[in-house]
Amino acid sequence: MLEAFVQALAHLLPQGYAWPRDPASVWMRLLRGVAGSFSEHHDFVQQTAAEWLPQTTHTRLAEWEAAVDLPDPCFGPLQTESERRAALLARLRGHQGAYEDSSPAAPGAIEAYCAAIGVTATVTYRRPFRVGQRVGGRLGANDGQLFIQVTGTPSAAPEPFRVGRDRVSRRLVERAPEIERLTCALERVVPARFRIVVLLS
């Protein structure tokens, strides 16, 4: 951008020996200094404008989050800047289904919601046993409920409770943080008839 300002100012100069275009001349060095201040001002204006846009902000990210009630309690404060920005954009844009009239129970809609919060997932239904539909299913195994199985990519596998190492208040199986956060987020948008099961991929 600096060179663009130097060229623009040089084109405004009159013609003649008193106005040399040689980059090594005193006049052109002075002109380059003036162009530098214009370039810095232009960059500052560009950065200021970018800070007011949620998809490009850095210094005002916390202000944007406060305006839309973030950070989300499901994800907590320990998120990277890209994760915080993804959550902000998802909150501002609202949940978009897989297609225009998609139900919140549609697998594609749930996958789209996971993608909006930065999680790649595959959603499938485990349907209850029905006579005439399939053979081999256990009677009553699903208790008449539908299950959603989300296969994500958590960073850590579940860690079982160990006697002598863990305290009484600790869960018998401590799930990975990504599983806890994703389950918390899905429970707010998925219909209540579903039981959410997050599987390790």
N, C-alpha and C. Protein backbone atom coordinates (compact mmCIF):
# COMPACT_ATOMS: atom_id res chain seq x y z
N MET A 1 0.83 -1.20 0.00
CA MET A 1 0.00 0.00 0.00
C MET A 1 0.87 1.26 0.00
N LEU A 2 2.05 1.17 0.63
CA LEU A 2 2.94 2.33 0.67
C LEU A 2 3.32 2.78 -0.73
N GLU A 3 3.69 1.80 -1.60
CA GLU A 3 4.10 2.15 -2.96
C GLU A 3 2.95 2.77 -3.73
N ALA A 4 1.74 2.35 -3.47
CA ALA A 4 0.58 2.93 -4.16
C ALA A 4 0.43 4.40 -3.80
N PHE A 5 0.64 4.74 -2.52
CA PHE A 5 0.56 6.15 -2.11
C PHE A 5 1.71 6.96 -2.69
N VAL A 6 2.90 6.37 -2.76
CA VAL A 6 4.06 7.08 -3.35
C VAL A 6 3.77 7.41 -4.81
N GLN A 7 3.26 6.43 -5.56
CA GLN A 7 2.95 6.66 -6.97
C GLN A 7 1.85 7.71 -7.14
N ALA A 8 0.84 7.64 -6.27
CA ALA A 8 -0.27 8.60 -6.37
C ALA A 8 0.22 10.02 -6.12
N LEU A 9 1.08 10.20 -5.11
CA LEU A 9 1.61 11.54 -4.83
C LEU A 9 2.54 12.00 -5.93
N ALA A 10 3.35 11.09 -6.49
CA ALA A 10 4.27 11.46 -7.57
C ALA A 10 3.52 11.94 -8.80
N HIS A 11 2.34 11.33 -9.07
CA HIS A 11 1.55 11.76 -10.24
C HIS A 11 0.97 13.16 -10.04
N LEU A 12 0.87 13.60 -8.79
CA LEU A 12 0.33 14.94 -8.53
C LEU A 12 1.38 16.04 -8.68
N LEU A 13 2.65 15.65 -8.78
CA LEU A 13 3.72 16.65 -8.88
C LEU A 13 3.74 17.29 -10.27
N PRO A 14 4.11 18.55 -10.34
CA PRO A 14 4.27 19.19 -11.66
C PRO A 14 5.47 18.60 -12.40
N GLN A 15 5.54 18.85 -13.69
CA GLN A 15 6.67 18.42 -14.50
C GLN A 15 7.79 19.45 -14.41
N GLY A 16 9.03 18.99 -14.56
CA GLY A 16 10.17 19.91 -14.57
C GLY A 16 11.33 19.37 -13.76
N TYR A 17 12.50 20.00 -13.93
CA TYR A 17 13.71 19.55 -13.24
C TYR A 17 13.61 19.76 -11.73
N ALA A 18 12.78 20.69 -11.29
CA ALA A 18 12.66 20.96 -9.86
C ALA A 18 11.88 19.86 -9.13
N TRP A 19 11.24 18.98 -9.91
CA TRP A 19 10.43 17.92 -9.31
C TRP A 19 10.93 16.55 -9.80
N PRO A 20 12.07 16.11 -9.32
CA PRO A 20 12.65 14.85 -9.82
C PRO A 20 11.84 13.65 -9.36
N ARG A 21 11.85 12.59 -10.22
CA ARG A 21 11.18 11.33 -9.89
C ARG A 21 12.17 10.24 -9.47
N ASP A 22 13.43 10.59 -9.36
CA ASP A 22 14.44 9.62 -8.97
C ASP A 22 14.21 9.19 -7.51
N PRO A 23 14.05 7.89 -7.24
CA PRO A 23 13.77 7.44 -5.86
C PRO A 23 14.87 7.84 -4.87
N ALA A 24 16.09 8.05 -5.35
CA ALA A 24 17.19 8.40 -4.45
C ALA A 24 17.26 9.90 -4.17
N SER A 25 16.47 10.71 -4.87
CA SER A 25 16.52 12.15 -4.66
C SER A 25 15.92 12.54 -3.32
N VAL A 26 16.31 13.72 -2.83
CA VAL A 26 15.80 14.20 -1.54
C VAL A 26 14.29 14.39 -1.61
N TRP A 27 13.82 14.92 -2.72
CA TRP A 27 12.39 15.20 -2.85
C TRP A 27 11.56 13.91 -2.78
N MET A 28 12.01 12.87 -3.49
CA MET A 28 11.25 11.63 -3.49
C MET A 28 11.33 10.91 -2.14
N ARG A 29 12.46 11.08 -1.44
CA ARG A 29 12.54 10.49 -0.10
C ARG A 29 11.57 11.19 0.84
N LEU A 30 11.46 12.52 0.68
CA LEU A 30 10.50 13.27 1.48
C LEU A 30 9.07 12.84 1.13
N LEU A 31 8.82 12.65 -0.16
CA LEU A 31 7.50 12.23 -0.59
C LEU A 31 7.16 10.84 -0.04
N ARG A 32 8.17 9.97 0.03
CA ARG A 32 7.95 8.63 0.58
C ARG A 32 7.57 8.71 2.06
N GLY A 33 8.17 9.65 2.79
CA GLY A 33 7.81 9.82 4.19
C GLY A 33 6.37 10.28 4.36
N VAL A 34 5.94 11.21 3.51
CA VAL A 34 4.55 11.67 3.55
C VAL A 34 3.61 10.52 3.19
N ALA A 35 3.98 9.75 2.16
CA ALA A 35 3.16 8.62 1.75
C ALA A 35 3.07 7.58 2.87
N GLY A 36 4.14 7.45 3.66
CA GLY A 36 4.13 6.49 4.77
C GLY A 36 3.07 6.84 5.79
N SER A 37 2.91 8.13 6.08
CA SER A 37 1.88 8.53 7.05
C SER A 37 0.49 8.26 6.50
N PHE A 38 0.28 8.47 5.19
CA PHE A 38 -1.01 8.14 4.58
C PHE A 38 -1.29 6.63 4.64
N SER A 39 -0.24 5.85 4.37
CA SER A 39 -0.39 4.40 4.39
C SER A 39 -0.74 3.90 5.80
N GLU A 40 -0.07 4.45 6.82
CA GLU A 40 -0.37 4.05 8.20
C GLU A 40 -1.80 4.42 8.58
N HIS A 41 -2.23 5.60 8.15
CA HIS A 41 -3.61 6.02 8.44
C HIS A 41 -4.61 5.11 7.74
N HIS A 42 -4.31 4.73 6.50
CA HIS A 42 -5.20 3.83 5.76
C HIS A 42 -5.29 2.48 6.46
N ASP A 43 -4.16 1.94 6.89
CA ASP A 43 -4.16 0.65 7.59
C ASP A 43 -4.93 0.72 8.90
N PHE A 44 -4.78 1.86 9.60
CA PHE A 44 -5.50 2.03 10.86
C PHE A 44 -7.01 2.06 10.63
N VAL A 45 -7.46 2.76 9.59
CA VAL A 45 -8.88 2.83 9.28
C VAL A 45 -9.41 1.44 8.91
N GLN A 46 -8.62 0.70 8.11
CA GLN A 46 -9.04 -0.65 7.73
C GLN A 46 -9.17 -1.55 8.95
N GLN A 47 -8.19 -1.47 9.86
CA GLN A 47 -8.23 -2.30 11.06
C GLN A 47 -9.39 -1.91 11.97
N THR A 48 -9.65 -0.61 12.08
CA THR A 48 -10.77 -0.14 12.90
C THR A 48 -12.09 -0.64 12.36
N ALA A 49 -12.25 -0.59 11.03
CA ALA A 49 -13.48 -1.09 10.42
C ALA A 49 -13.62 -2.59 10.64
N ALA A 50 -12.49 -3.31 10.55
CA ALA A 50 -12.53 -4.76 10.74
C ALA A 50 -12.92 -5.13 12.16
N GLU A 51 -12.55 -4.30 13.13
CA GLU A 51 -12.88 -4.60 14.52
C GLU A 51 -14.38 -4.51 14.80
N TRP A 52 -15.12 -3.82 13.97
CA TRP A 52 -16.56 -3.71 14.18
C TRP A 52 -17.33 -4.81 13.46
N LEU A 53 -16.61 -5.70 12.74
CA LEU A 53 -17.24 -6.83 12.08
C LEU A 53 -16.97 -8.08 12.90
N PRO A 54 -17.98 -8.86 13.25
CA PRO A 54 -17.77 -10.02 14.14
C PRO A 54 -16.86 -11.08 13.55
N GLN A 55 -16.82 -11.21 12.22
CA GLN A 55 -16.00 -12.25 11.61
C GLN A 55 -14.53 -11.89 11.53
N THR A 56 -14.17 -10.63 11.80
CA THR A 56 -12.77 -10.22 11.71
C THR A 56 -12.25 -9.55 12.99
N THR A 57 -13.08 -9.35 13.98
CA THR A 57 -12.66 -8.62 15.17
C THR A 57 -11.65 -9.39 16.01
N HIS A 58 -10.78 -8.65 16.67
CA HIS A 58 -9.82 -9.22 17.63
C HIS A 58 -9.96 -8.52 18.97
N THR A 59 -9.72 -7.21 18.96
CA THR A 59 -9.73 -6.47 20.22
C THR A 59 -11.13 -6.28 20.79
N ARG A 60 -12.15 -6.32 19.95
CA ARG A 60 -13.53 -6.11 20.41
C ARG A 60 -14.32 -7.41 20.47
N LEU A 61 -13.65 -8.54 20.44
CA LEU A 61 -14.34 -9.82 20.50
C LEU A 61 -15.12 -9.97 21.81
N ALA A 62 -14.53 -9.53 22.92
CA ALA A 62 -15.22 -9.63 24.22
C ALA A 62 -16.49 -8.78 24.24
N GLU A 63 -16.47 -7.60 23.58
CA GLU A 63 -17.66 -6.76 23.53
C GLU A 63 -18.76 -7.42 22.72
N TRP A 64 -18.38 -8.04 21.60
CA TRP A 64 -19.37 -8.77 20.80
C TRP A 64 -19.97 -9.90 21.60
N GLU A 65 -19.12 -10.63 22.34
CA GLU A 65 -19.61 -11.75 23.14
C GLU A 65 -20.58 -11.28 24.22
N ALA A 66 -20.27 -10.17 24.87
CA ALA A 66 -21.15 -9.65 25.91
C ALA A 66 -22.51 -9.24 25.34
N ALA A 67 -22.53 -8.80 24.09
CA ALA A 67 -23.78 -8.36 23.47
C ALA A 67 -24.72 -9.51 23.17
N VAL A 68 -24.18 -10.72 23.00
CA VAL A 68 -25.01 -11.88 22.66
C VAL A 68 -24.96 -12.96 23.74
N ASP A 69 -24.59 -12.57 24.95
CA ASP A 69 -24.59 -13.47 26.10
C ASP A 69 -23.64 -14.66 25.92
N LEU A 70 -22.43 -14.36 25.55
CA LEU A 70 -21.36 -15.35 25.46
C LEU A 70 -20.26 -14.95 26.44
N PRO A 71 -19.37 -15.86 26.85
CA PRO A 71 -19.24 -17.24 26.37
C PRO A 71 -20.33 -18.15 26.89
N ASP A 72 -20.61 -19.17 26.10
CA ASP A 72 -21.65 -20.15 26.40
C ASP A 72 -21.25 -20.96 27.63
N PRO A 73 -22.15 -21.12 28.62
CA PRO A 73 -21.82 -21.93 29.80
C PRO A 73 -21.42 -23.36 29.46
N CYS A 74 -21.91 -23.88 28.32
CA CYS A 74 -21.55 -25.24 27.94
C CYS A 74 -20.08 -25.36 27.57
N PHE A 75 -19.50 -24.29 27.04
CA PHE A 75 -18.14 -24.36 26.55
C PHE A 75 -17.14 -23.68 27.47
N GLY A 76 -17.63 -22.83 28.36
CA GLY A 76 -16.74 -22.22 29.34
C GLY A 76 -15.85 -21.15 28.74
N PRO A 77 -15.00 -20.53 29.59
CA PRO A 77 -14.16 -19.43 29.12
C PRO A 77 -12.88 -19.87 28.42
N LEU A 78 -12.47 -21.14 28.56
CA LEU A 78 -11.20 -21.60 28.01
C LEU A 78 -11.39 -22.06 26.57
N GLN A 79 -11.51 -21.10 25.67
CA GLN A 79 -11.64 -21.39 24.25
C GLN A 79 -10.61 -20.57 23.48
N THR A 80 -10.21 -21.09 22.32
CA THR A 80 -9.32 -20.32 21.46
C THR A 80 -10.09 -19.18 20.81
N GLU A 81 -9.38 -18.24 20.24
CA GLU A 81 -10.05 -17.11 19.61
C GLU A 81 -10.91 -17.56 18.44
N SER A 82 -10.44 -18.53 17.67
CA SER A 82 -11.23 -19.01 16.54
C SER A 82 -12.50 -19.72 17.02
N GLU A 83 -12.41 -20.45 18.13
CA GLU A 83 -13.60 -21.11 18.68
C GLU A 83 -14.59 -20.08 19.20
N ARG A 84 -14.08 -19.03 19.85
CA ARG A 84 -14.96 -17.97 20.34
C ARG A 84 -15.64 -17.26 19.18
N ARG A 85 -14.90 -17.01 18.10
CA ARG A 85 -15.49 -16.33 16.95
C ARG A 85 -16.53 -17.21 16.28
N ALA A 86 -16.27 -18.52 16.19
CA ALA A 86 -17.26 -19.43 15.59
C ALA A 86 -18.54 -19.45 16.42
N ALA A 87 -18.41 -19.46 17.74
CA ALA A 87 -19.59 -19.43 18.60
C ALA A 87 -20.35 -18.12 18.46
N LEU A 88 -19.61 -17.02 18.33
CA LEU A 88 -20.25 -15.71 18.15
C LEU A 88 -21.04 -15.66 16.85
N LEU A 89 -20.43 -16.11 15.76
CA LEU A 89 -21.12 -16.09 14.47
C LEU A 89 -22.33 -17.02 14.48
N ALA A 90 -22.19 -18.18 15.14
CA ALA A 90 -23.33 -19.09 15.22
C ALA A 90 -24.48 -18.47 15.99
N ARG A 91 -24.18 -17.72 17.06
CA ARG A 91 -25.23 -17.08 17.85
C ARG A 91 -25.88 -15.94 17.06
N LEU A 92 -25.11 -15.18 16.31
CA LEU A 92 -25.66 -14.06 15.55
C LEU A 92 -26.50 -14.54 14.37
N ARG A 93 -26.04 -15.57 13.70
CA ARG A 93 -26.74 -16.05 12.52
C ARG A 93 -27.94 -16.91 12.85
N GLY A 94 -27.95 -17.47 14.06
CA GLY A 94 -29.03 -18.37 14.44
C GLY A 94 -28.81 -19.74 13.83
N HIS A 95 -29.52 -20.72 14.36
CA HIS A 95 -29.36 -22.09 13.88
C HIS A 95 -30.04 -22.25 12.53
N GLN A 96 -29.26 -22.66 11.55
CA GLN A 96 -29.79 -22.92 10.23
C GLN A 96 -29.87 -24.43 10.02
N GLY A 97 -31.02 -24.91 9.62
CA GLY A 97 -31.18 -26.34 9.40
C GLY A 97 -30.45 -26.81 8.16
N ALA A 98 -30.50 -28.11 7.93
CA ALA A 98 -29.84 -28.67 6.76
C ALA A 98 -30.51 -28.19 5.47
N TYR A 99 -31.81 -27.93 5.55
CA TYR A 99 -32.54 -27.38 4.43
C TYR A 99 -33.59 -26.43 4.99
N GLU A 100 -34.29 -25.72 4.15
CA GLU A 100 -35.11 -24.58 4.58
C GLU A 100 -36.15 -24.94 5.62
N ASP A 101 -36.84 -26.07 5.42
CA ASP A 101 -37.91 -26.43 6.35
C ASP A 101 -37.52 -27.65 7.20
N SER A 102 -36.22 -27.79 7.51
CA SER A 102 -35.77 -28.98 8.23
C SER A 102 -36.23 -28.94 9.68
N SER A 103 -36.61 -30.11 10.19
CA SER A 103 -36.99 -30.25 11.58
C SER A 103 -35.72 -30.28 12.44
N PRO A 104 -35.80 -29.82 13.70
CA PRO A 104 -34.63 -29.93 14.57
C PRO A 104 -34.26 -31.37 14.87
N ALA A 105 -35.16 -32.30 14.54
CA ALA A 105 -34.87 -33.71 14.75
C ALA A 105 -34.18 -34.35 13.55
N ALA A 106 -34.08 -33.64 12.44
CA ALA A 106 -33.46 -34.20 11.25
C ALA A 106 -31.96 -34.39 11.47
N PRO A 107 -31.40 -35.54 11.06
CA PRO A 107 -29.95 -35.75 11.24
C PRO A 107 -29.12 -34.65 10.60
N GLY A 108 -29.53 -34.23 9.40
CA GLY A 108 -28.78 -33.17 8.73
C GLY A 108 -28.81 -31.86 9.49
N ALA A 109 -29.94 -31.55 10.13
CA ALA A 109 -30.06 -30.32 10.90
C ALA A 109 -29.15 -30.36 12.13
N ILE A 110 -29.07 -31.53 12.78
CA ILE A 110 -28.22 -31.66 13.96
C ILE A 110 -26.76 -31.59 13.56
N GLU A 111 -26.41 -32.21 12.42
CA GLU A 111 -25.03 -32.13 11.93
C GLU A 111 -24.66 -30.69 11.58
N ALA A 112 -25.62 -29.96 10.99
CA ALA A 112 -25.37 -28.56 10.65
C ALA A 112 -25.15 -27.72 11.90
N TYR A 113 -25.91 -28.02 12.96
CA TYR A 113 -25.73 -27.30 14.22
C TYR A 113 -24.34 -27.59 14.81
N CYS A 114 -23.94 -28.85 14.77
CA CYS A 114 -22.61 -29.22 15.28
C CYS A 114 -21.51 -28.49 14.48
N ALA A 115 -21.68 -28.44 13.16
CA ALA A 115 -20.70 -27.76 12.33
C ALA A 115 -20.64 -26.27 12.66
N ALA A 116 -21.79 -25.67 12.99
CA ALA A 116 -21.83 -24.24 13.31
C ALA A 116 -21.05 -23.92 14.57
N ILE A 117 -20.96 -24.88 15.50
CA ILE A 117 -20.20 -24.64 16.73
C ILE A 117 -18.81 -25.25 16.66
N GLY A 118 -18.40 -25.65 15.43
CA GLY A 118 -17.04 -26.09 15.22
C GLY A 118 -16.77 -27.55 15.46
N VAL A 119 -17.78 -28.40 15.40
CA VAL A 119 -17.61 -29.84 15.64
C VAL A 119 -18.08 -30.60 14.40
N THR A 120 -17.20 -31.44 13.87
CA THR A 120 -17.59 -32.31 12.76
C THR A 120 -18.18 -33.58 13.33
N ALA A 121 -19.41 -33.88 12.97
CA ALA A 121 -20.11 -35.01 13.59
C ALA A 121 -20.96 -35.73 12.56
N THR A 122 -21.22 -36.99 12.85
CA THR A 122 -22.14 -37.80 12.05
C THR A 122 -23.28 -38.24 12.96
N VAL A 123 -24.50 -37.95 12.56
CA VAL A 123 -25.66 -38.20 13.40
C VAL A 123 -26.47 -39.35 12.80
N THR A 124 -26.79 -40.32 13.62
CA THR A 124 -27.64 -41.44 13.20
C THR A 124 -28.69 -41.69 14.28
N TYR A 125 -29.79 -42.30 13.87
CA TYR A 125 -30.85 -42.66 14.82
C TYR A 125 -30.75 -44.14 15.13
N ARG A 126 -30.96 -44.48 16.37
CA ARG A 126 -31.18 -45.88 16.74
C ARG A 126 -32.65 -45.99 17.11
N ARG A 127 -33.40 -46.59 16.25
CA ARG A 127 -34.85 -46.63 16.44
C ARG A 127 -35.26 -47.81 17.34
N PRO A 128 -36.35 -47.70 18.07
CA PRO A 128 -36.82 -48.82 18.89
C PRO A 128 -37.30 -49.99 18.03
N PHE A 129 -37.30 -51.16 18.62
CA PHE A 129 -37.72 -52.37 17.91
C PHE A 129 -39.19 -52.27 17.52
N ARG A 130 -39.48 -52.66 16.28
CA ARG A 130 -40.87 -52.69 15.81
C ARG A 130 -41.09 -53.98 15.04
N VAL A 131 -42.16 -54.67 15.36
CA VAL A 131 -42.48 -55.93 14.68
C VAL A 131 -42.73 -55.64 13.21
N GLY A 132 -42.13 -56.46 12.35
CA GLY A 132 -42.34 -56.30 10.91
C GLY A 132 -41.31 -55.40 10.26
N GLN A 133 -40.50 -54.67 11.05
CA GLN A 133 -39.50 -53.79 10.46
C GLN A 133 -38.13 -54.45 10.38
N ARG A 134 -37.71 -55.08 11.45
CA ARG A 134 -36.40 -55.70 11.43
C ARG A 134 -36.36 -56.86 12.42
N VAL A 135 -35.45 -57.77 12.19
CA VAL A 135 -35.26 -58.93 13.04
C VAL A 135 -33.89 -58.83 13.67
N GLY A 136 -33.75 -59.26 14.92
CA GLY A 136 -32.45 -59.25 15.58
C GLY A 136 -32.32 -58.19 16.65
N GLY A 137 -33.27 -57.24 16.70
CA GLY A 137 -33.22 -56.21 17.72
C GLY A 137 -33.74 -56.74 19.04
N ARG A 138 -33.17 -56.23 20.14
CA ARG A 138 -33.60 -56.65 21.47
C ARG A 138 -34.90 -55.96 21.86
N LEU A 139 -35.85 -56.75 22.35
CA LEU A 139 -37.13 -56.18 22.78
C LEU A 139 -36.93 -55.30 24.01
N GLY A 140 -37.41 -54.06 23.92
CA GLY A 140 -37.31 -53.16 25.05
C GLY A 140 -35.93 -52.58 25.30
N ALA A 141 -34.99 -52.85 24.40
CA ALA A 141 -33.62 -52.38 24.63
C ALA A 141 -33.54 -50.86 24.62
N ASN A 142 -34.37 -50.23 23.82
CA ASN A 142 -34.31 -48.78 23.69
C ASN A 142 -35.39 -48.07 24.47
N ASP A 143 -36.23 -48.84 25.18
CA ASP A 143 -37.24 -48.24 26.04
C ASP A 143 -38.20 -47.34 25.28
N GLY A 144 -38.39 -47.61 24.00
CA GLY A 144 -39.31 -46.80 23.21
C GLY A 144 -38.81 -45.42 22.90
N GLN A 145 -37.54 -45.11 23.15
CA GLN A 145 -36.99 -43.79 22.86
C GLN A 145 -36.10 -43.84 21.63
N LEU A 146 -35.92 -42.68 21.03
CA LEU A 146 -34.99 -42.54 19.93
C LEU A 146 -33.65 -42.05 20.47
N PHE A 147 -32.59 -42.55 19.90
CA PHE A 147 -31.25 -42.16 20.33
C PHE A 147 -30.56 -41.39 19.22
N ILE A 148 -29.73 -40.43 19.60
CA ILE A 148 -28.88 -39.73 18.65
C ILE A 148 -27.45 -40.08 18.99
N GLN A 149 -26.74 -40.65 18.05
CA GLN A 149 -25.35 -40.98 18.25
C GLN A 149 -24.51 -40.01 17.45
N VAL A 150 -23.71 -39.23 18.12
CA VAL A 150 -22.87 -38.23 17.48
C VAL A 150 -21.43 -38.71 17.55
N THR A 151 -20.83 -38.93 16.42
CA THR A 151 -19.44 -39.37 16.37
C THR A 151 -18.58 -38.17 16.09
N GLY A 152 -17.85 -37.70 17.10
CA GLY A 152 -16.97 -36.55 16.95
C GLY A 152 -15.53 -36.98 17.06
N THR A 153 -14.67 -36.02 17.35
CA THR A 153 -13.23 -36.30 17.47
C THR A 153 -12.70 -35.68 18.75
N PRO A 154 -13.08 -36.18 19.94
CA PRO A 154 -12.57 -35.63 21.19
C PRO A 154 -11.07 -35.82 21.31
N SER A 155 -10.41 -34.95 22.06
CA SER A 155 -8.95 -35.00 22.20
C SER A 155 -8.52 -36.03 23.23
N ALA A 156 -9.43 -36.47 24.08
CA ALA A 156 -9.04 -37.41 25.12
C ALA A 156 -10.13 -38.45 25.31
N ALA A 157 -9.73 -39.68 25.55
CA ALA A 157 -10.68 -40.76 25.78
C ALA A 157 -11.20 -40.69 27.20
N PRO A 158 -12.38 -41.28 27.47
CA PRO A 158 -12.91 -41.29 28.83
C PRO A 158 -11.94 -41.98 29.79
N GLU A 159 -11.81 -41.40 30.96
CA GLU A 159 -10.88 -41.94 31.95
C GLU A 159 -11.67 -42.55 33.11
N PRO A 160 -11.52 -43.87 33.37
CA PRO A 160 -12.30 -44.50 34.43
C PRO A 160 -11.80 -44.12 35.82
N PHE A 161 -12.70 -44.24 36.78
CA PHE A 161 -12.37 -43.98 38.18
C PHE A 161 -11.44 -45.07 38.71
N ARG A 162 -10.46 -44.67 39.50
CA ARG A 162 -9.53 -45.64 40.09
C ARG A 162 -9.46 -45.44 41.60
N VAL A 163 -9.63 -46.54 42.30
CA VAL A 163 -9.56 -46.51 43.76
C VAL A 163 -8.13 -46.20 44.18
N GLY A 164 -7.98 -45.30 45.16
CA GLY A 164 -6.66 -44.93 45.65
C GLY A 164 -6.08 -43.74 44.93
N ARG A 165 -6.59 -43.43 43.74
CA ARG A 165 -6.08 -42.29 42.99
C ARG A 165 -7.10 -41.16 42.95
N ASP A 166 -8.37 -41.50 42.79
CA ASP A 166 -9.42 -40.49 42.65
C ASP A 166 -10.21 -40.35 43.94
N ARG A 167 -10.89 -39.20 44.06
CA ARG A 167 -11.68 -38.92 45.25
C ARG A 167 -13.11 -39.41 45.11
N VAL A 168 -13.82 -39.41 46.23
CA VAL A 168 -15.19 -39.94 46.26
C VAL A 168 -16.12 -39.12 45.38
N SER A 169 -15.94 -37.82 45.30
CA SER A 169 -16.86 -36.97 44.55
C SER A 169 -16.69 -37.08 43.04
N ARG A 170 -15.65 -37.75 42.57
CA ARG A 170 -15.39 -37.84 41.15
C ARG A 170 -16.30 -38.87 40.49
N ARG A 171 -16.67 -38.62 39.22
CA ARG A 171 -17.52 -39.56 38.50
C ARG A 171 -16.78 -40.88 38.27
N LEU A 172 -17.57 -41.95 38.14
CA LEU A 172 -16.96 -43.26 37.88
C LEU A 172 -16.28 -43.29 36.52
N VAL A 173 -16.85 -42.59 35.54
CA VAL A 173 -16.20 -42.44 34.24
C VAL A 173 -16.23 -40.96 33.89
N GLU A 174 -15.06 -40.37 33.80
CA GLU A 174 -14.94 -38.95 33.47
C GLU A 174 -14.86 -38.80 31.96
N ARG A 175 -15.86 -38.15 31.38
CA ARG A 175 -15.89 -38.03 29.93
C ARG A 175 -14.97 -36.91 29.48
N ALA A 176 -14.53 -37.00 28.23
CA ALA A 176 -13.66 -35.96 27.66
C ALA A 176 -14.39 -34.62 27.66
N PRO A 177 -13.66 -33.51 27.83
CA PRO A 177 -14.32 -32.19 27.87
C PRO A 177 -15.14 -31.89 26.63
N GLU A 178 -14.67 -32.33 25.44
CA GLU A 178 -15.41 -32.07 24.21
C GLU A 178 -16.78 -32.75 24.24
N ILE A 179 -16.83 -33.96 24.82
CA ILE A 179 -18.10 -34.68 24.90
C ILE A 179 -19.06 -33.94 25.82
N GLU A 180 -18.56 -33.48 26.97
CA GLU A 180 -19.41 -32.73 27.91
C GLU A 180 -19.96 -31.47 27.26
N ARG A 181 -19.10 -30.73 26.57
CA ARG A 181 -19.54 -29.46 25.97
C ARG A 181 -20.54 -29.70 24.85
N LEU A 182 -20.26 -30.71 24.00
CA LEU A 182 -21.16 -30.97 22.88
C LEU A 182 -22.51 -31.47 23.37
N THR A 183 -22.52 -32.35 24.36
CA THR A 183 -23.78 -32.86 24.90
C THR A 183 -24.60 -31.73 25.51
N CYS A 184 -23.94 -30.84 26.24
CA CYS A 184 -24.63 -29.69 26.85
C CYS A 184 -25.27 -28.81 25.78
N ALA A 185 -24.53 -28.55 24.70
CA ALA A 185 -25.05 -27.69 23.64
C ALA A 185 -26.20 -28.35 22.89
N LEU A 186 -26.10 -29.66 22.64
CA LEU A 186 -27.15 -30.35 21.89
C LEU A 186 -28.43 -30.49 22.69
N GLU A 187 -28.31 -30.63 24.00
CA GLU A 187 -29.51 -30.81 24.83
C GLU A 187 -30.44 -29.61 24.76
N ARG A 188 -29.93 -28.44 24.37
CA ARG A 188 -30.76 -27.25 24.29
C ARG A 188 -31.52 -27.14 22.98
N VAL A 189 -31.07 -27.84 21.93
CA VAL A 189 -31.70 -27.68 20.61
C VAL A 189 -32.36 -28.96 20.12
N VAL A 190 -31.96 -30.11 20.65
CA VAL A 190 -32.52 -31.38 20.20
C VAL A 190 -33.81 -31.66 20.95
N PRO A 191 -34.85 -32.17 20.30
CA PRO A 191 -36.12 -32.48 20.98
C PRO A 191 -35.92 -33.40 22.18
N ALA A 192 -36.77 -33.23 23.19
CA ALA A 192 -36.60 -33.93 24.46
C ALA A 192 -36.77 -35.43 24.34
N ARG A 193 -37.39 -35.92 23.28
CA ARG A 193 -37.60 -37.37 23.17
C ARG A 193 -36.32 -38.12 22.83
N PHE A 194 -35.25 -37.39 22.50
CA PHE A 194 -34.00 -38.03 22.15
C PHE A 194 -33.09 -38.16 23.35
N ARG A 195 -32.35 -39.23 23.38
CA ARG A 195 -31.26 -39.38 24.35
C ARG A 195 -29.96 -39.25 23.57
N ILE A 196 -29.12 -38.30 23.93
CA ILE A 196 -27.92 -38.00 23.18
C ILE A 196 -26.78 -38.91 23.64
N VAL A 197 -26.19 -39.61 22.70
CA VAL A 197 -25.04 -40.48 22.98
C VAL A 197 -23.89 -40.00 22.11
N VAL A 198 -22.83 -39.48 22.73
CA VAL A 198 -21.66 -39.01 21.99
C VAL A 198 -20.62 -40.12 22.00
N LEU A 199 -20.24 -40.57 20.82
CA LEU A 199 -19.29 -41.67 20.68
C LEU A 199 -17.93 -41.15 20.24
N LEU A 200 -16.87 -41.79 20.71
CA LEU A 200 -15.52 -41.47 20.26
C LEU A 200 -15.30 -42.05 18.87
N SER A 201 -14.66 -41.29 18.00
CA SER A 201 -14.41 -41.79 16.65
C SER A 201 -13.03 -42.42 16.57
